Amino acid sequence: MISDVDCTRLAMPSGSEEPQRDPELKRKAWLAVFLSSAVFWAVVALLIWKFWG
């Protein structure tokens, strides 16, 4: 059975281990956020144009 100390160690790695961040993944994530936002606002603009245009 896993003790409480082992659970804490698994959940929180020691401070000496820096998390590795992939710059390519970060770029793709920001691109996805930007494109999602653009699509959302385009839909909002089209709905406004349809109702008040």
C-alpha atoms as a PDB file:
ATOM      1  CA  MET A   1       0.000   0.000   0.000  1.00  0.00           C
ATOM      2  CA  ILE A   2       1.211   3.542  -0.738  1.00  0.00           C
ATOM      3  CA  SER A   3       1.904   5.698   2.299  1.00  0.00           C
ATOM      4  CA  ASP A   4       0.978   9.382   2.582  1.00  0.00           C
ATOM      5  CA  VAL A   5       4.609  10.368   2.078  1.00  0.00           C
ATOM      6  CA  ASP A   6       4.794   8.422  -1.189  1.00  0.00           C
ATOM      7  CA  CYS A   7       1.568  10.021  -2.417  1.00  0.00           C
ATOM      8  CA  THR A   8       2.955  13.488  -1.661  1.00  0.00           C
ATOM      9  CA  ARG A   9       6.225  12.682  -3.404  1.00  0.00           C
ATOM     10  CA  LEU A  10       4.347  11.503  -6.512  1.00  0.00           C
ATOM     11  CA  ALA A  11       2.072  14.549  -6.551  1.00  0.00           C
ATOM     12  CA  MET A  12       4.827  17.092  -5.884  1.00  0.00           C
ATOM     13  CA  PRO A  13       8.208  16.289  -7.419  1.00  0.00           C
ATOM     14  CA  SER A  14      11.312  17.590  -5.697  1.00  0.00           C
ATOM     15  CA  GLY A  15      12.393  21.153  -6.418  1.00  0.00           C
ATOM     16  CA  SER A  16      15.539  20.044  -8.240  1.00  0.00           C
ATOM     17  CA  GLU A  17      13.507  18.791 -11.201  1.00  0.00           C
ATOM     18  CA  GLU A  18      12.542  21.627 -13.522  1.00  0.00           C
ATOM     19  CA  PRO A  19       9.480  20.925 -15.663  1.00  0.00           C
ATOM     20  CA  GLN A  20      10.396  20.630 -19.334  1.00  0.00           C
ATOM     21  CA  ARG A  21       8.296  22.893 -21.555  1.00  0.00           C
ATOM     22  CA  ASP A  22       8.248  22.264 -25.257  1.00  0.00           C
ATOM     23  CA  PRO A  23       8.370  25.638 -27.085  1.00  0.00           C
ATOM     24  CA  GLU A  24       6.662  24.101 -30.121  1.00  0.00           C
ATOM     25  CA  LEU A  25       3.751  22.896 -27.968  1.00  0.00           C
ATOM     26  CA  LYS A  26       3.516  26.307 -26.298  1.00  0.00           C
ATOM     27  CA  ARG A  27       3.383  28.004 -29.717  1.00  0.00           C
ATOM     28  CA  LYS A  28       0.661  25.622 -30.907  1.00  0.00           C
ATOM     29  CA  ALA A  29      -1.353  26.212 -27.731  1.00  0.00           C
ATOM     30  CA  TRP A  30      -1.241  29.999 -28.169  1.00  0.00           C
ATOM     31  CA  LEU A  31      -2.150  29.621 -31.833  1.00  0.00           C
ATOM     32  CA  ALA A  32      -5.165  27.498 -30.865  1.00  0.00           C
ATOM     33  CA  VAL A  33      -6.262  30.108 -28.302  1.00  0.00           C
ATOM     34  CA  PHE A  34      -5.893  32.911 -30.847  1.00  0.00           C
ATOM     35  CA  LEU A  35      -7.761  31.050 -33.601  1.00  0.00           C
ATOM     36  CA  SER A  36     -10.560  30.015 -31.226  1.00  0.00           C
ATOM     37  CA  SER A  37     -10.966  33.612 -30.136  1.00  0.00           C
ATOM     38  CA  ALA A  38     -11.002  34.830 -33.746  1.00  0.00           C
ATOM     39  CA  VAL A  39     -13.659  32.285 -34.736  1.00  0.00           C
ATOM     40  CA  PHE A  40     -15.779  33.185 -31.699  1.00  0.00           C
ATOM     41  CA  TRP A  41     -15.713  36.911 -32.476  1.00  0.00           C
ATOM     42  CA  ALA A  42     -16.382  36.277 -36.175  1.00  0.00           C
ATOM     43  CA  VAL A  43     -19.519  34.331 -35.241  1.00  0.00           C
ATOM     44  CA  VAL A  44     -20.595  37.105 -32.868  1.00  0.00           C
ATOM     45  CA  ALA A  45     -20.054  39.717 -35.594  1.00  0.00           C
ATOM     46  CA  LEU A  46     -22.046  37.676 -38.125  1.00  0.00           C
ATOM     47  CA  LEU A  47     -24.929  37.246 -35.681  1.00  0.00           C
ATOM     48  CA  ILE A  48     -24.985  40.979 -34.954  1.00  0.00           C
ATOM     49  CA  TRP A  49     -24.883  41.725 -38.694  1.00  0.00           C
ATOM     50  CA  LYS A  50     -27.744  39.295 -39.311  1.00  0.00           C
ATOM     51  CA  PHE A  51     -30.015  40.735 -36.586  1.00  0.00           C
ATOM     52  CA  TRP A  52     -29.276  44.447 -37.102  1.00  0.00           C
ATOM     53  CA  GLY A  53     -28.138  44.503 -40.714  1.00  0.00           C
END
